[in-house]
Amino acid sequence: MGAVKQVALPEKVFALLERYRRKRRISRAAAIEELLKKELADEEFLRLLDEQAEQNRDLSEEEAMALANEAVAWARQKFRRSRKGR
């Protein structure tokens, strides 16, 4: 276990964190870690979407939607795998 760190949060943010933590029945550290992993996964997903959009500018709308659906499935699978490791 690491050293104890303190982080100052606005009351509103702390209340949201506590509500999330209680709902999930996990520690504050685990809640923050989970939320950060989610944020990183979202950023990676958006980066991949932008990358695919650049590569596939000439695709039809249906082909683009199929690729987007594949990307969503991949991101969800990646997030589920990261949650199973807890």
PDB file of N, CA and C in Angstrom:
ATOM      1  N   MET A   1       0.846  -1.176   0.000  1.00  0.00           N
ATOM      2  CA  MET A   1       0.000   0.000   0.000  1.00  0.00           C
ATOM      3  C   MET A   1       0.887   1.232   0.000  1.00  0.00           C
ATOM      4  N   GLY A   2       0.478   2.232  -0.737  1.00  0.00           N
ATOM      5  CA  GLY A   2       1.264   3.454  -0.883  1.00  0.00           C
ATOM      6  C   GLY A   2       1.077   4.402   0.284  1.00  0.00           C
ATOM      7  N   ALA A   3       1.794   5.489   0.206  1.00  0.00           N
ATOM      8  CA  ALA A   3       1.698   6.526   1.234  1.00  0.00           C
ATOM      9  C   ALA A   3       0.341   7.216   1.157  1.00  0.00           C
ATOM     10  N   VAL A   4      -0.084   7.759   2.271  1.00  0.00           N
ATOM     11  CA  VAL A   4      -1.360   8.473   2.321  1.00  0.00           C
ATOM     12  C   VAL A   4      -1.189   9.835   1.665  1.00  0.00           C
ATOM     13  N   LYS A   5      -2.076  10.148   0.749  1.00  0.00           N
ATOM     14  CA  LYS A   5      -2.064  11.438   0.054  1.00  0.00           C
ATOM     15  C   LYS A   5      -3.388  12.130   0.326  1.00  0.00           C
ATOM     16  N   GLN A   6      -3.347  13.435   0.363  1.00  0.00           N
ATOM     17  CA  GLN A   6      -4.574  14.198   0.548  1.00  0.00           C
ATOM     18  C   GLN A   6      -4.849  15.017  -0.701  1.00  0.00           C
ATOM     19  N   VAL A   7      -6.108  15.047  -1.075  1.00  0.00           N
ATOM     20  CA  VAL A   7      -6.544  15.820  -2.231  1.00  0.00           C
ATOM     21  C   VAL A   7      -7.710  16.690  -1.781  1.00  0.00           C
ATOM     22  N   ALA A   8      -7.623  17.980  -2.057  1.00  0.00           N
ATOM     23  CA  ALA A   8      -8.714  18.896  -1.716  1.00  0.00           C
ATOM     24  C   ALA A   8      -9.719  18.899  -2.864  1.00  0.00           C
ATOM     25  N   LEU A   9     -10.965  18.615  -2.528  1.00  0.00           N
ATOM     26  CA  LEU A   9     -12.035  18.594  -3.522  1.00  0.00           C
ATOM     27  C   LEU A   9     -13.139  19.554  -3.104  1.00  0.00           C
ATOM     28  N   PRO A  10     -13.761  20.203  -4.069  1.00  0.00           N
ATOM     29  CA  PRO A  10     -14.943  21.001  -3.737  1.00  0.00           C
ATOM     30  C   PRO A  10     -16.031  20.086  -3.164  1.00  0.00           C
ATOM     31  N   GLU A  11     -16.874  20.627  -2.325  1.00  0.00           N
ATOM     32  CA  GLU A  11     -17.926  19.837  -1.670  1.00  0.00           C
ATOM     33  C   GLU A  11     -18.798  19.089  -2.679  1.00  0.00           C
ATOM     34  N   LYS A  12     -19.148  19.759  -3.762  1.00  0.00           N
ATOM     35  CA  LYS A  12     -20.017  19.145  -4.769  1.00  0.00           C
ATOM     36  C   LYS A  12     -19.348  17.914  -5.387  1.00  0.00           C
ATOM     37  N   VAL A  13     -18.065  18.034  -5.707  1.00  0.00           N
ATOM     38  CA  VAL A  13     -17.322  16.922  -6.303  1.00  0.00           C
ATOM     39  C   VAL A  13     -17.199  15.780  -5.297  1.00  0.00           C
ATOM     40  N   PHE A  14     -16.895  16.123  -4.043  1.00  0.00           N
ATOM     41  CA  PHE A  14     -16.770  15.105  -3.007  1.00  0.00           C
ATOM     42  C   PHE A  14     -18.092  14.365  -2.809  1.00  0.00           C
ATOM     43  N   ALA A  15     -19.197  15.104  -2.819  1.00  0.00           N
ATOM     44  CA  ALA A  15     -20.513  14.477  -2.659  1.00  0.00           C
ATOM     45  C   ALA A  15     -20.796  13.513  -3.808  1.00  0.00           C
ATOM     46  N   LEU A  16     -20.453  13.910  -5.021  1.00  0.00           N
ATOM     47  CA  LEU A  16     -20.646  13.025  -6.175  1.00  0.00           C
ATOM     48  C   LEU A  16     -19.773  11.782  -6.066  1.00  0.00           C
ATOM     49  N   LEU A  17     -18.532  11.968  -5.636  1.00  0.00           N
ATOM     50  CA  LEU A  17     -17.623  10.835  -5.457  1.00  0.00           C
ATOM     51  C   LEU A  17     -18.162   9.877  -4.397  1.00  0.00           C
ATOM     52  N   GLU A  18     -18.639  10.423  -3.292  1.00  0.00           N
ATOM     53  CA  GLU A  18     -19.178   9.588  -2.216  1.00  0.00           C
ATOM     54  C   GLU A  18     -20.416   8.816  -2.677  1.00  0.00           C
ATOM     55  N   ARG A  19     -21.281   9.477  -3.423  1.00  0.00           N
ATOM     56  CA  ARG A  19     -22.476   8.798  -3.931  1.00  0.00           C
ATOM     57  C   ARG A  19     -22.074   7.652  -4.864  1.00  0.00           C
ATOM     58  N   TYR A  20     -21.115   7.915  -5.747  1.00  0.00           N
ATOM     59  CA  TYR A  20     -20.625   6.880  -6.665  1.00  0.00           C
ATOM     60  C   TYR A  20     -19.996   5.730  -5.878  1.00  0.00           C
ATOM     61  N   ARG A  21     -19.172   6.069  -4.891  1.00  0.00           N
ATOM     62  CA  ARG A  21     -18.461   5.065  -4.100  1.00  0.00           C
ATOM     63  C   ARG A  21     -19.449   4.180  -3.329  1.00  0.00           C
ATOM     64  N   ARG A  22     -20.430   4.788  -2.706  1.00  0.00           N
ATOM     65  CA  ARG A  22     -21.414   4.018  -1.933  1.00  0.00           C
ATOM     66  C   ARG A  22     -22.256   3.117  -2.834  1.00  0.00           C
ATOM     67  N   LYS A  23     -22.619   3.653  -3.980  1.00  0.00           N
ATOM     68  CA  LYS A  23     -23.412   2.870  -4.933  1.00  0.00           C
ATOM     69  C   LYS A  23     -22.644   1.626  -5.370  1.00  0.00           C
ATOM     70  N   ARG A  24     -21.349   1.782  -5.597  1.00  0.00           N
ATOM     71  CA  ARG A  24     -20.506   0.669  -6.054  1.00  0.00           C
ATOM     72  C   ARG A  24     -19.972  -0.172  -4.893  1.00  0.00           C
ATOM     73  N   ARG A  25     -20.096   0.344  -3.661  1.00  0.00           N
ATOM     74  CA  ARG A  25     -19.593  -0.329  -2.454  1.00  0.00           C
ATOM     75  C   ARG A  25     -18.101  -0.614  -2.553  1.00  0.00           C
ATOM     76  N   ILE A  26     -17.358   0.443  -2.866  1.00  0.00           N
ATOM     77  CA  ILE A  26     -15.905   0.343  -2.982  1.00  0.00           C
ATOM     78  C   ILE A  26     -15.261   1.481  -2.200  1.00  0.00           C
ATOM     79  N   SER A  27     -13.948   1.404  -2.040  1.00  0.00           N
ATOM     80  CA  SER A  27     -13.226   2.450  -1.312  1.00  0.00           C
ATOM     81  C   SER A  27     -13.126   3.715  -2.160  1.00  0.00           C
ATOM     82  N   ARG A  28     -12.758   4.816  -1.519  1.00  0.00           N
ATOM     83  CA  ARG A  28     -12.575   6.070  -2.263  1.00  0.00           C
ATOM     84  C   ARG A  28     -11.474   5.920  -3.301  1.00  0.00           C
ATOM     85  N   ALA A  29     -10.377   5.285  -2.896  1.00  0.00           N
ATOM     86  CA  ALA A  29      -9.261   5.100  -3.831  1.00  0.00           C
ATOM     87  C   ALA A  29      -9.692   4.269  -5.034  1.00  0.00           C
ATOM     88  N   ALA A  30     -10.442   3.203  -4.790  1.00  0.00           N
ATOM     89  CA  ALA A  30     -10.919   2.358  -5.888  1.00  0.00           C
ATOM     90  C   ALA A  30     -11.887   3.128  -6.787  1.00  0.00           C
ATOM     91  N   ALA A  31     -12.727   3.968  -6.186  1.00  0.00           N
ATOM     92  CA  ALA A  31     -13.675   4.762  -6.974  1.00  0.00           C
ATOM     93  C   ALA A  31     -12.935   5.745  -7.877  1.00  0.00           C
ATOM     94  N   ILE A  32     -11.941   6.428  -7.309  1.00  0.00           N
ATOM     95  CA  ILE A  32     -11.162   7.379  -8.108  1.00  0.00           C
ATOM     96  C   ILE A  32     -10.423   6.648  -9.218  1.00  0.00           C
ATOM     97  N   GLU A  33      -9.820   5.506  -8.897  1.00  0.00           N
ATOM     98  CA  GLU A  33      -9.096   4.729  -9.909  1.00  0.00           C
ATOM     99  C   GLU A  33     -10.035   4.284 -11.024  1.00  0.00           C
ATOM    100  N   GLU A  34     -11.217   3.812 -10.657  1.00  0.00           N
ATOM    101  CA  GLU A  34     -12.191   3.366 -11.650  1.00  0.00           C
ATOM    102  C   GLU A  34     -12.620   4.512 -12.564  1.00  0.00           C
ATOM    103  N   LEU A  35     -12.882   5.666 -11.972  1.00  0.00           N
ATOM    104  CA  LEU A  35     -13.292   6.822 -12.767  1.00  0.00           C
ATOM    105  C   LEU A  35     -12.176   7.301 -13.686  1.00  0.00           C
ATOM    106  N   LEU A  36     -10.941   7.267 -13.200  1.00  0.00           N
ATOM    107  CA  LEU A  36      -9.815   7.669 -14.043  1.00  0.00           C
ATOM    108  C   LEU A  36      -9.618   6.695 -15.199  1.00  0.00           C
ATOM    109  N   LYS A  37      -9.759   5.409 -14.935  1.00  0.00           N
ATOM    110  CA  LYS A  37      -9.647   4.415 -16.007  1.00  0.00           C
ATOM    111  C   LYS A  37     -10.738   4.630 -17.055  1.00  0.00           C
ATOM    112  N   LYS A  38     -11.940   4.948 -16.577  1.00  0.00           N
ATOM    113  CA  LYS A  38     -13.043   5.234 -17.500  1.00  0.00           C
ATOM    114  C   LYS A  38     -12.711   6.433 -18.380  1.00  0.00           C
ATOM    115  N   GLU A  39     -12.176   7.476 -17.753  1.00  0.00           N
ATOM    116  CA  GLU A  39     -11.819   8.690 -18.493  1.00  0.00           C
ATOM    117  C   GLU A  39     -10.738   8.393 -19.531  1.00  0.00           C
ATOM    118  N   LEU A  40      -9.731   7.618 -19.145  1.00  0.00           N
ATOM    119  CA  LEU A  40      -8.669   7.260 -20.087  1.00  0.00           C
ATOM    120  C   LEU A  40      -9.219   6.416 -21.232  1.00  0.00           C
ATOM    121  N   ALA A  41     -10.136   5.509 -20.927  1.00  0.00           N
ATOM    122  CA  ALA A  41     -10.755   4.695 -21.971  1.00  0.00           C
ATOM    123  C   ALA A  41     -11.567   5.574 -22.924  1.00  0.00           C
ATOM    124  N   ASP A  42     -12.272   6.557 -22.380  1.00  0.00           N
ATOM    125  CA  ASP A  42     -13.034   7.485 -23.225  1.00  0.00           C
ATOM    126  C   ASP A  42     -12.112   8.278 -24.144  1.00  0.00           C
ATOM    127  N   GLU A  43     -10.998   8.763 -23.595  1.00  0.00           N
ATOM    128  CA  GLU A  43     -10.035   9.518 -24.406  1.00  0.00           C
ATOM    129  C   GLU A  43      -9.456   8.643 -25.510  1.00  0.00           C
ATOM    130  N   GLU A  44      -9.113   7.400 -25.174  1.00  0.00           N
ATOM    131  CA  GLU A  44      -8.574   6.469 -26.165  1.00  0.00           C
ATOM    132  C   GLU A  44      -9.618   6.191 -27.248  1.00  0.00           C
ATOM    133  N   PHE A  45     -10.855   6.016 -26.840  1.00  0.00           N
ATOM    134  CA  PHE A  45     -11.937   5.764 -27.781  1.00  0.00           C
ATOM    135  C   PHE A  45     -12.099   6.931 -28.755  1.00  0.00           C
ATOM    136  N   LEU A  46     -12.112   8.147 -28.228  1.00  0.00           N
ATOM    137  CA  LEU A  46     -12.252   9.322 -29.087  1.00  0.00           C
ATOM    138  C   LEU A  46     -11.061   9.480 -30.022  1.00  0.00           C
ATOM    139  N   ARG A  47      -9.866   9.169 -29.525  1.00  0.00           N
ATOM    140  CA  ARG A  47      -8.674   9.230 -30.368  1.00  0.00           C
ATOM    141  C   ARG A  47      -8.795   8.233 -31.517  1.00  0.00           C
ATOM    142  N   LEU A  48      -9.245   7.026 -31.204  1.00  0.00           N
ATOM    143  CA  LEU A  48      -9.410   6.010 -32.240  1.00  0.00           C
ATOM    144  C   LEU A  48     -10.483   6.405 -33.253  1.00  0.00           C
ATOM    145  N   LEU A  49     -11.564   7.010 -32.772  1.00  0.00           N
ATOM    146  CA  LEU A  49     -12.605   7.465 -33.700  1.00  0.00           C
ATOM    147  C   LEU A  49     -12.064   8.522 -34.662  1.00  0.00           C
ATOM    148  N   ASP A  50     -11.298   9.467 -34.125  1.00  0.00           N
ATOM    149  CA  ASP A  50     -10.704  10.499 -34.976  1.00  0.00           C
ATOM    150  C   ASP A  50      -9.746   9.882 -35.985  1.00  0.00           C
ATOM    151  N   GLU A  51      -8.963   8.926 -35.515  1.00  0.00           N
ATOM    152  CA  GLU A  51      -8.005   8.248 -36.396  1.00  0.00           C
ATOM    153  C   GLU A  51      -8.736   7.510 -37.511  1.00  0.00           C
ATOM    154  N   GLN A  52      -9.798   6.814 -37.148  1.00  0.00           N
ATOM    155  CA  GLN A  52     -10.577   6.096 -38.155  1.00  0.00           C
ATOM    156  C   GLN A  52     -11.261   7.052 -39.123  1.00  0.00           C
ATOM    157  N   ALA A  53     -11.740   8.162 -38.618  1.00  0.00           N
ATOM    158  CA  ALA A  53     -12.394   9.141 -39.489  1.00  0.00           C
ATOM    159  C   ALA A  53     -11.420   9.664 -40.535  1.00  0.00           C
ATOM    160  N   GLU A  54     -10.193   9.913 -40.115  1.00  0.00           N
ATOM    161  CA  GLU A  54      -9.175  10.375 -41.061  1.00  0.00           C
ATOM    162  C   GLU A  54      -8.885   9.317 -42.122  1.00  0.00           C
ATOM    163  N   GLN A  55      -8.835   8.067 -41.696  1.00  0.00           N
ATOM    164  CA  GLN A  55      -8.504   6.980 -42.623  1.00  0.00           C
ATOM    165  C   GLN A  55      -9.653   6.663 -43.576  1.00  0.00           C
ATOM    166  N   ASN A  56     -10.870   6.939 -43.140  1.00  0.00           N
ATOM    167  CA  ASN A  56     -12.040   6.482 -43.892  1.00  0.00           C
ATOM    168  C   ASN A  56     -12.951   7.620 -44.333  1.00  0.00           C
ATOM    169  N   ARG A  57     -12.379   8.679 -44.798  1.00  0.00           N
ATOM    170  CA  ARG A  57     -13.186   9.837 -45.214  1.00  0.00           C
ATOM    171  C   ARG A  57     -14.134   9.520 -46.366  1.00  0.00           C
ATOM    172  N   ASP A  58     -13.742   8.600 -47.227  1.00  0.00           N
ATOM    173  CA  ASP A  58     -14.533   8.327 -48.420  1.00  0.00           C
ATOM    174  C   ASP A  58     -15.546   7.191 -48.243  1.00  0.00           C
ATOM    175  N   LEU A  59     -15.756   6.716 -47.024  1.00  0.00           N
ATOM    176  CA  LEU A  59     -16.714   5.638 -46.786  1.00  0.00           C
ATOM    177  C   LEU A  59     -18.147   6.162 -46.816  1.00  0.00           C
ATOM    178  N   SER A  60     -19.060   5.253 -47.118  1.00  0.00           N
ATOM    179  CA  SER A  60     -20.479   5.617 -47.044  1.00  0.00           C
ATOM    180  C   SER A  60     -20.880   5.731 -45.573  1.00  0.00           C
ATOM    181  N   GLU A  61     -22.040   6.294 -45.338  1.00  0.00           N
ATOM    182  CA  GLU A  61     -22.520   6.464 -43.959  1.00  0.00           C
ATOM    183  C   GLU A  61     -22.713   5.112 -43.271  1.00  0.00           C
ATOM    184  N   GLU A  62     -23.212   4.124 -44.009  1.00  0.00           N
ATOM    185  CA  GLU A  62     -23.423   2.788 -43.433  1.00  0.00           C
ATOM    186  C   GLU A  62     -22.100   2.137 -43.052  1.00  0.00           C
ATOM    187  N   GLU A  63     -21.104   2.257 -43.919  1.00  0.00           N
ATOM    188  CA  GLU A  63     -19.787   1.688 -43.611  1.00  0.00           C
ATOM    189  C   GLU A  63     -19.159   2.387 -42.408  1.00  0.00           C
ATOM    190  N   ALA A  64     -19.339   3.692 -42.331  1.00  0.00           N
ATOM    191  CA  ALA A  64     -18.801   4.450 -41.200  1.00  0.00           C
ATOM    192  C   ALA A  64     -19.480   4.030 -39.899  1.00  0.00           C
ATOM    193  N   MET A  65     -20.795   3.821 -39.929  1.00  0.00           N
ATOM    194  CA  MET A  65     -21.511   3.378 -38.730  1.00  0.00           C
ATOM    195  C   MET A  65     -21.062   1.988 -38.303  1.00  0.00           C
ATOM    196  N   ALA A  66     -20.817   1.111 -39.253  1.00  0.00           N
ATOM    197  CA  ALA A  66     -20.343  -0.235 -38.921  1.00  0.00           C
ATOM    198  C   ALA A  66     -18.985  -0.163 -38.228  1.00  0.00           C
ATOM    199  N   LEU A  67     -18.100   0.687 -38.733  1.00  0.00           N
ATOM    200  CA  LEU A  67     -16.793   0.856 -38.091  1.00  0.00           C
ATOM    201  C   LEU A  67     -16.931   1.462 -36.702  1.00  0.00           C
ATOM    202  N   ALA A  68     -17.830   2.419 -36.554  1.00  0.00           N
ATOM    203  CA  ALA A  68     -18.051   3.035 -35.240  1.00  0.00           C
ATOM    204  C   ALA A  68     -18.592   2.008 -34.251  1.00  0.00           C
ATOM    205  N   ASN A  69     -19.494   1.160 -34.701  1.00  0.00           N
ATOM    206  CA  ASN A  69     -20.028   0.114 -33.826  1.00  0.00           C
ATOM    207  C   ASN A  69     -18.939  -0.862 -33.400  1.00  0.00           C
ATOM    208  N   GLU A  70     -18.041  -1.194 -34.303  1.00  0.00           N
ATOM    209  CA  GLU A  70     -16.908  -2.057 -33.954  1.00  0.00           C
ATOM    210  C   GLU A  70     -16.028  -1.392 -32.905  1.00  0.00           C
ATOM    211  N   ALA A  71     -15.793  -0.102 -33.058  1.00  0.00           N
ATOM    212  CA  ALA A  71     -14.963   0.626 -32.097  1.00  0.00           C
ATOM    213  C   ALA A  71     -15.620   0.665 -30.720  1.00  0.00           C
ATOM    214  N   VAL A  72     -16.932   0.855 -30.688  1.00  0.00           N
ATOM    215  CA  VAL A  72     -17.655   0.862 -29.411  1.00  0.00           C
ATOM    216  C   VAL A  72     -17.550  -0.506 -28.745  1.00  0.00           C
ATOM    217  N   ALA A  73     -17.747  -1.559 -29.512  1.00  0.00           N
ATOM    218  CA  ALA A  73     -17.654  -2.914 -28.957  1.00  0.00           C
ATOM    219  C   ALA A  73     -16.252  -3.176 -28.416  1.00  0.00           C
ATOM    220  N   TRP A  74     -15.236  -2.735 -29.147  1.00  0.00           N
ATOM    221  CA  TRP A  74     -13.856  -2.919 -28.698  1.00  0.00           C
ATOM    222  C   TRP A  74     -13.600  -2.173 -27.393  1.00  0.00           C
ATOM    223  N   ALA A  75     -14.061  -0.926 -27.309  1.00  0.00           N
ATOM    224  CA  ALA A  75     -13.847  -0.126 -26.100  1.00  0.00           C
ATOM    225  C   ALA A  75     -14.579  -0.733 -24.906  1.00  0.00           C
ATOM    226  N   ARG A  76     -15.786  -1.203 -25.114  1.00  0.00           N
ATOM    227  CA  ARG A  76     -16.543  -1.827 -24.018  1.00  0.00           C
ATOM    228  C   ARG A  76     -15.850  -3.094 -23.536  1.00  0.00           C
ATOM    229  N   GLN A  77     -15.365  -3.885 -24.479  1.00  0.00           N
ATOM    230  CA  GLN A  77     -14.669  -5.119 -24.118  1.00  0.00           C
ATOM    231  C   GLN A  77     -13.400  -4.804 -23.329  1.00  0.00           C
ATOM    232  N   LYS A  78     -12.680  -3.788 -23.754  1.00  0.00           N
ATOM    233  CA  LYS A  78     -11.454  -3.392 -23.059  1.00  0.00           C
ATOM    234  C   LYS A  78     -11.776  -2.925 -21.643  1.00  0.00           C
ATOM    235  N   PHE A  79     -12.846  -2.151 -21.479  1.00  0.00           N
ATOM    236  CA  PHE A  79     -13.234  -1.658 -20.159  1.00  0.00           C
ATOM    237  C   PHE A  79     -13.683  -2.809 -19.269  1.00  0.00           C
ATOM    238  N   ARG A  80     -14.441  -3.748 -19.822  1.00  0.00           N
ATOM    239  CA  ARG A  80     -14.890  -4.900 -19.025  1.00  0.00           C
ATOM    240  C   ARG A  80     -13.705  -5.725 -18.550  1.00  0.00           C
ATOM    241  N   ARG A  81     -12.714  -5.921 -19.429  1.00  0.00           N
ATOM    242  CA  ARG A  81     -11.519  -6.678 -19.034  1.00  0.00           C
ATOM    243  C   ARG A  81     -10.782  -5.980 -17.909  1.00  0.00           C
ATOM    244  N   SER A  82     -10.708  -4.649 -17.959  1.00  0.00           N
ATOM    245  CA  SER A  82      -9.995  -3.918 -16.911  1.00  0.00           C
ATOM    246  C   SER A  82     -10.749  -4.004 -15.588  1.00  0.00           C
ATOM    247  N   ARG A  83     -12.067  -4.089 -15.618  1.00  0.00           N
ATOM    248  CA  ARG A  83     -12.856  -4.204 -14.388  1.00  0.00           C
ATOM    249  C   ARG A  83     -12.771  -5.604 -13.803  1.00  0.00           C
ATOM    250  N   LYS A  84     -12.604  -6.633 -14.650  1.00  0.00           N
ATOM    251  CA  LYS A  84     -12.506  -8.004 -14.157  1.00  0.00           C
ATOM    252  C   LYS A  84     -11.227  -8.210 -13.357  1.00  0.00           C
ATOM    253  N   GLY A  85     -10.209  -7.422 -13.634  1.00  0.00           N
ATOM    254  CA  GLY A  85      -8.924  -7.558 -12.960  1.00  0.00           C
ATOM    255  C   GLY A  85      -8.923  -7.081 -11.528  1.00  0.00           C
ATOM    256  N   ARG A  86     -10.008  -6.422 -11.113  1.00  0.00           N
ATOM    257  CA  ARG A  86     -10.033  -5.898  -9.733  1.00  0.00           C
ATOM    258  C   ARG A  86     -10.164  -7.006  -8.743  1.00  0.00           C
TER     259      ARG A  86
END
